[in-house]
């Protein structure tokens, strides 16, 4: 059976060679082994990625119970943030730590404005952590607490009343920028 080989440097020049039946069978076996090996490697990579997802891809998305939509806090004071310790993935394990951030929502924006880090390094399976609110917060009814473990989930919007110090600062006119000399 003739086999066609093309010279890469002379595309118009095509050579044919005759291969014995034995050589053709040998080449067919080599190509078949190569293709099966590639398919097995691809299947192995796919299975390892699934195993990795099952092992490390569990998301502990704990529902925040305090604060909630009826909560009213005051800037500068201590409060306890609470959350459920059992999620859709099961109970939160002992080695998962969390971060609590304070932010706020604005209508028409997807930004959560997570400017304040309130706590970190606590065990997520504890179900609560005491935080201290910053003293200089403005009064808003759109604050949120975000609890981060290996996911971030937000509380419902709630209210924080700014402290007297914060309210006085808000009423002062903005400071003037320094002029260049």
C-alpha atoms as a PDB file:
ATOM      1  CA  UNK A   1       0.000   0.000   0.000  1.00  0.00           C
ATOM      2  CA  UNK A   2       1.545   3.351  -0.960  1.00  0.00           C
ATOM      3  CA  UNK A   3       2.086   5.978   1.721  1.00  0.00           C
ATOM      4  CA  UNK A   4       2.335   9.667   0.842  1.00  0.00           C
ATOM      5  CA  UNK A   5       5.011  11.836   2.462  1.00  0.00           C
ATOM      6  CA  UNK A   6       5.201  15.549   1.836  1.00  0.00           C
ATOM      7  CA  UNK A   7       8.415  17.532   1.994  1.00  0.00           C
ATOM      8  CA  UNK A   8       7.729  20.582   4.173  1.00  0.00           C
ATOM      9  CA  UNK A   9      10.116  22.733   2.210  1.00  0.00           C
ATOM     10  CA  UNK A  10       8.707  21.807  -1.171  1.00  0.00           C
ATOM     11  CA  UNK A  11       4.916  21.519  -0.797  1.00  0.00           C
ATOM     12  CA  UNK A  12       4.409  20.798  -4.506  1.00  0.00           C
ATOM     13  CA  UNK A  13       6.764  17.821  -4.441  1.00  0.00           C
ATOM     14  CA  UNK A  14       5.005  14.719  -3.096  1.00  0.00           C
ATOM     15  CA  UNK A  15       6.742  11.375  -2.729  1.00  0.00           C
ATOM     16  CA  UNK A  16       5.107   8.019  -2.330  1.00  0.00           C
ATOM     17  CA  UNK A  17       6.709   5.074  -0.652  1.00  0.00           C
ATOM     18  CA  UNK A  18       5.573   1.513  -0.291  1.00  0.00           C
ATOM     19  CA  UNK A  19       5.429   0.113   3.217  1.00  0.00           C
ATOM     20  CA  UNK A  20       5.164  -3.566   3.911  1.00  0.00           C
ATOM     21  CA  UNK A  21       2.036  -4.879   5.562  1.00  0.00           C
ATOM     22  CA  UNK A  22       4.092  -5.674   8.654  1.00  0.00           C
ATOM     23  CA  UNK A  23       5.399  -2.082   8.896  1.00  0.00           C
ATOM     24  CA  UNK A  24       1.920  -0.668   8.423  1.00  0.00           C
ATOM     25  CA  UNK A  25       0.551  -2.845  11.234  1.00  0.00           C
ATOM     26  CA  UNK A  26       3.452  -1.820  13.447  1.00  0.00           C
ATOM     27  CA  UNK A  27       2.812   1.913  12.810  1.00  0.00           C
ATOM     28  CA  UNK A  28      -0.909   1.399  13.382  1.00  0.00           C
ATOM     29  CA  UNK A  29      -0.197  -0.220  16.766  1.00  0.00           C
ATOM     30  CA  UNK A  30       2.143   2.606  17.798  1.00  0.00           C
ATOM     31  CA  UNK A  31      -0.394   5.287  16.840  1.00  0.00           C
ATOM     32  CA  UNK A  32      -3.180   3.360  18.602  1.00  0.00           C
ATOM     33  CA  UNK A  33      -1.132   3.066  21.790  1.00  0.00           C
ATOM     34  CA  UNK A  34      -0.275   6.769  21.624  1.00  0.00           C
ATOM     35  CA  UNK A  35      -3.926   7.797  21.148  1.00  0.00           C
ATOM     36  CA  UNK A  36      -5.107   5.497  23.977  1.00  0.00           C
ATOM     37  CA  UNK A  37      -2.383   6.862  26.269  1.00  0.00           C
ATOM     38  CA  UNK A  38      -3.462  10.455  25.574  1.00  0.00           C
ATOM     39  CA  UNK A  39      -7.103   9.506  26.229  1.00  0.00           C
ATOM     40  CA  UNK A  40      -6.178   7.811  29.525  1.00  0.00           C
ATOM     41  CA  UNK A  41      -4.106  10.805  30.647  1.00  0.00           C
ATOM     42  CA  UNK A  42      -7.002  13.131  29.791  1.00  0.00           C
ATOM     43  CA  UNK A  43      -9.442  10.935  31.739  1.00  0.00           C
ATOM     44  CA  UNK A  44      -7.045  10.816  34.700  1.00  0.00           C
ATOM     45  CA  UNK A  45      -6.702  14.619  34.735  1.00  0.00           C
ATOM     46  CA  UNK A  46     -10.490  14.949  34.592  1.00  0.00           C
ATOM     47  CA  UNK A  47     -10.948  12.516  37.506  1.00  0.00           C
ATOM     48  CA  UNK A  48      -8.259  14.272  39.555  1.00  0.00           C
ATOM     49  CA  UNK A  49      -9.969  17.630  38.990  1.00  0.00           C
ATOM     50  CA  UNK A  50     -13.282  16.157  40.187  1.00  0.00           C
ATOM     51  CA  UNK A  51     -11.562  14.674  43.246  1.00  0.00           C
ATOM     52  CA  UNK A  52      -9.907  18.027  43.960  1.00  0.00           C
ATOM     53  CA  UNK A  53     -13.274  19.792  43.728  1.00  0.00           C
ATOM     54  CA  UNK A  54     -14.900  17.288  46.064  1.00  0.00           C
ATOM     55  CA  UNK A  55     -12.047  17.470  48.557  1.00  0.00           C
ATOM     56  CA  UNK A  56     -11.244  21.176  48.543  1.00  0.00           C
ATOM     57  CA  UNK A  57     -14.253  22.712  46.817  1.00  0.00           C
ATOM     58  CA  UNK A  58     -16.659  22.517  49.741  1.00  0.00           C
ATOM     59  CA  UNK A  59     -18.028  25.972  50.424  1.00  0.00           C
ATOM     60  CA  UNK A  60     -18.913  26.836  54.020  1.00  0.00           C
ATOM     61  CA  UNK A  61     -21.522  29.502  53.314  1.00  0.00           C
ATOM     62  CA  UNK A  62     -22.757  30.164  56.845  1.00  0.00           C
ATOM     63  CA  UNK A  63     -25.994  32.160  57.066  1.00  0.00           C
ATOM     64  CA  UNK A  64     -25.641  35.289  59.216  1.00  0.00           C
ATOM     65  CA  UNK A  65     -28.434  35.537  61.794  1.00  0.00           C
ATOM     66  CA  UNK A  66     -27.311  38.717  63.632  1.00  0.00           C
ATOM     67  CA  UNK A  67     -27.375  41.414  62.402  1.00  0.00           C
ATOM     68  CA  UNK A  68     -30.595  41.170  60.427  1.00  0.00           C
ATOM     69  CA  UNK A  69     -32.975  43.644  58.759  1.00  0.00           C
ATOM     70  CA  UNK A  70     -34.397  44.818  62.140  1.00  0.00           C
ATOM     71  CA  UNK A  71     -30.991  45.378  63.773  1.00  0.00           C
ATOM     72  CA  UNK A  72     -29.984  48.896  64.856  1.00  0.00           C
ATOM     73  CA  UNK A  73     -26.438  49.395  66.150  1.00  0.00           C
ATOM     74  CA  UNK A  74     -24.493  52.473  67.224  1.00  0.00           C
ATOM     75  CA  UNK A  75     -21.034  53.405  65.970  1.00  0.00           C
ATOM     76  CA  UNK A  76     -18.160  52.849  68.399  1.00  0.00           C
ATOM     77  CA  UNK A  77     -19.851  50.094  70.431  1.00  0.00           C
ATOM     78  CA  UNK A  78     -19.271  46.324  70.748  1.00  0.00           C
ATOM     79  CA  UNK A  79     -21.703  43.844  69.211  1.00  0.00           C
ATOM     80  CA  UNK A  80     -21.845  40.117  68.582  1.00  0.00           C
ATOM     81  CA  UNK A  81     -22.166  38.860  65.024  1.00  0.00           C
ATOM     82  CA  UNK A  82     -23.886  35.442  64.918  1.00  0.00           C
ATOM     83  CA  UNK A  83     -24.201  32.818  62.194  1.00  0.00           C
ATOM     84  CA  UNK A  84     -25.335  29.250  61.665  1.00  0.00           C
ATOM     85  CA  UNK A  85     -22.615  26.595  61.999  1.00  0.00           C
ATOM     86  CA  UNK A  86     -24.317  23.985  59.844  1.00  0.00           C
ATOM     87  CA  UNK A  87     -24.516  24.679  56.134  1.00  0.00           C
ATOM     88  CA  UNK A  88     -25.717  22.797  53.059  1.00  0.00           C
ATOM     89  CA  UNK A  89     -22.270  21.156  52.988  1.00  0.00           C
ATOM     90  CA  UNK A  90     -22.677  19.945  56.591  1.00  0.00           C
ATOM     91  CA  UNK A  91     -21.186  21.167  59.871  1.00  0.00           C
ATOM     92  CA  UNK A  92     -18.304  23.618  59.550  1.00  0.00           C
ATOM     93  CA  UNK A  93     -15.057  21.790  60.471  1.00  0.00           C
ATOM     94  CA  UNK A  94     -12.733  22.858  63.304  1.00  0.00           C
ATOM     95  CA  UNK A  95      -9.942  24.206  61.106  1.00  0.00           C
ATOM     96  CA  UNK A  96     -11.856  26.833  59.085  1.00  0.00           C
ATOM     97  CA  UNK A  97     -11.176  30.411  60.171  1.00  0.00           C
ATOM     98  CA  UNK A  98     -13.126  33.512  59.279  1.00  0.00           C
ATOM     99  CA  UNK A  99     -13.000  37.237  58.641  1.00  0.00           C
ATOM    100  CA  UNK A 100     -15.761  39.741  59.412  1.00  0.00           C
ATOM    101  CA  UNK A 101     -16.004  42.876  57.286  1.00  0.00           C
ATOM    102  CA  UNK A 102     -18.378  45.822  57.443  1.00  0.00           C
ATOM    103  CA  UNK A 103     -19.660  47.405  54.280  1.00  0.00           C
ATOM    104  CA  UNK A 104     -22.718  49.069  52.848  1.00  0.00           C
ATOM    105  CA  UNK A 105     -24.839  48.897  49.735  1.00  0.00           C
ATOM    106  CA  UNK A 106     -25.859  51.742  47.448  1.00  0.00           C
ATOM    107  CA  UNK A 107     -28.806  51.618  45.087  1.00  0.00           C
ATOM    108  CA  UNK A 108     -27.733  50.932  41.527  1.00  0.00           C
ATOM    109  CA  UNK A 109     -24.291  49.631  42.534  1.00  0.00           C
ATOM    110  CA  UNK A 110     -23.024  46.075  42.967  1.00  0.00           C
ATOM    111  CA  UNK A 111     -20.105  47.281  45.141  1.00  0.00           C
ATOM    112  CA  UNK A 112     -20.379  46.188  48.781  1.00  0.00           C
ATOM    113  CA  UNK A 113     -17.963  48.927  49.999  1.00  0.00           C
ATOM    114  CA  UNK A 114     -16.190  46.512  52.381  1.00  0.00           C
ATOM    115  CA  UNK A 115     -13.877  49.151  53.852  1.00  0.00           C
ATOM    116  CA  UNK A 116     -13.766  47.963  57.470  1.00  0.00           C
ATOM    117  CA  UNK A 117     -12.096  44.769  58.760  1.00  0.00           C
ATOM    118  CA  UNK A 118     -13.761  44.036  62.097  1.00  0.00           C
ATOM    119  CA  UNK A 119     -12.331  40.614  63.040  1.00  0.00           C
ATOM    120  CA  UNK A 120     -10.168  37.817  61.646  1.00  0.00           C
ATOM    121  CA  UNK A 121      -8.636  34.497  62.610  1.00  0.00           C
ATOM    122  CA  UNK A 122     -11.586  33.217  64.669  1.00  0.00           C
ATOM    123  CA  UNK A 123     -12.996  29.727  64.183  1.00  0.00           C
ATOM    124  CA  UNK A 124     -15.953  29.752  61.824  1.00  0.00           C
ATOM    125  CA  UNK A 125     -17.615  26.868  63.680  1.00  0.00           C
ATOM    126  CA  UNK A 126     -17.869  29.019  66.846  1.00  0.00           C
ATOM    127  CA  UNK A 127     -21.096  30.556  65.527  1.00  0.00           C
ATOM    128  CA  UNK A 128     -20.380  34.057  66.817  1.00  0.00           C
ATOM    129  CA  UNK A 129     -17.715  36.688  67.302  1.00  0.00           C
ATOM    130  CA  UNK A 130     -17.713  40.022  69.127  1.00  0.00           C
ATOM    131  CA  UNK A 131     -16.684  43.037  67.075  1.00  0.00           C
ATOM    132  CA  UNK A 132     -16.248  46.750  67.784  1.00  0.00           C
ATOM    133  CA  UNK A 133     -17.738  49.172  65.281  1.00  0.00           C
ATOM    134  CA  UNK A 134     -15.588  52.107  64.186  1.00  0.00           C
ATOM    135  CA  UNK A 135     -16.472  55.402  65.911  1.00  0.00           C
ATOM    136  CA  UNK A 136     -16.581  57.523  62.772  1.00  0.00           C
ATOM    137  CA  UNK A 137     -19.356  55.740  60.863  1.00  0.00           C
ATOM    138  CA  UNK A 138     -22.102  57.734  59.180  1.00  0.00           C
ATOM    139  CA  UNK A 139     -25.726  56.921  59.912  1.00  0.00           C
ATOM    140  CA  UNK A 140     -27.017  54.561  57.195  1.00  0.00           C
ATOM    141  CA  UNK A 141     -29.705  51.932  56.908  1.00  0.00           C
ATOM    142  CA  UNK A 142     -27.780  49.985  54.252  1.00  0.00           C
ATOM    143  CA  UNK A 143     -24.850  48.526  56.196  1.00  0.00           C
ATOM    144  CA  UNK A 144     -24.005  44.846  55.778  1.00  0.00           C
ATOM    145  CA  UNK A 145     -21.765  42.413  57.620  1.00  0.00           C
ATOM    146  CA  UNK A 146     -19.840  39.999  55.392  1.00  0.00           C
ATOM    147  CA  UNK A 147     -18.594  36.764  56.909  1.00  0.00           C
ATOM    148  CA  UNK A 148     -15.734  35.231  54.968  1.00  0.00           C
ATOM    149  CA  UNK A 149     -14.440  31.716  55.405  1.00  0.00           C
ATOM    150  CA  UNK A 150     -13.830  30.143  52.039  1.00  0.00           C
ATOM    151  CA  UNK A 151     -16.753  32.138  50.684  1.00  0.00           C
ATOM    152  CA  UNK A 152     -18.219  35.506  51.483  1.00  0.00           C
ATOM    153  CA  UNK A 153     -21.817  35.839  52.487  1.00  0.00           C
ATOM    154  CA  UNK A 154     -23.552  39.005  53.526  1.00  0.00           C
ATOM    155  CA  UNK A 155     -26.117  39.797  56.158  1.00  0.00           C
ATOM    156  CA  UNK A 156     -29.320  41.593  55.247  1.00  0.00           C
ATOM    157  CA  UNK A 157     -29.035  45.385  55.224  1.00  0.00           C
ATOM    158  CA  UNK A 158     -29.279  46.893  58.722  1.00  0.00           C
ATOM    159  CA  UNK A 159     -28.925  50.287  60.395  1.00  0.00           C
ATOM    160  CA  UNK A 160     -25.975  51.850  62.189  1.00  0.00           C
ATOM    161  CA  UNK A 161     -26.415  55.229  63.850  1.00  0.00           C
ATOM    162  CA  UNK A 162     -23.298  57.335  63.639  1.00  0.00           C
ATOM    163  CA  UNK A 163     -21.763  58.438  66.923  1.00  0.00           C
ATOM    164  CA  UNK A 164     -22.090  62.034  68.123  1.00  0.00           C
ATOM    165  CA  UNK A 165     -18.459  62.494  67.110  1.00  0.00           C
ATOM    166  CA  UNK A 166     -19.212  61.118  63.639  1.00  0.00           C
ATOM    167  CA  UNK A 167     -22.300  63.309  63.252  1.00  0.00           C
ATOM    168  CA  UNK A 168     -20.335  66.435  64.242  1.00  0.00           C
ATOM    169  CA  UNK A 169     -17.689  65.616  61.662  1.00  0.00           C
ATOM    170  CA  UNK A 170     -20.353  65.166  58.979  1.00  0.00           C
ATOM    171  CA  UNK A 171     -21.853  68.596  59.714  1.00  0.00           C
ATOM    172  CA  UNK A 172     -18.498  70.407  59.334  1.00  0.00           C
ATOM    173  CA  UNK A 173     -17.694  71.774  55.897  1.00  0.00           C
ATOM    174  CA  UNK A 174     -15.034  69.837  53.997  1.00  0.00           C
ATOM    175  CA  UNK A 175     -11.478  70.985  54.720  1.00  0.00           C
ATOM    176  CA  UNK A 176      -9.805  73.095  52.076  1.00  0.00           C
ATOM    177  CA  UNK A 177      -6.848  71.573  50.195  1.00  0.00           C
ATOM    178  CA  UNK A 178      -3.418  73.061  50.857  1.00  0.00           C
ATOM    179  CA  UNK A 179      -2.313  75.470  48.167  1.00  0.00           C
ATOM    180  CA  UNK A 180       0.998  74.923  46.447  1.00  0.00           C
ATOM    181  CA  UNK A 181       3.694  77.418  47.385  1.00  0.00           C
END
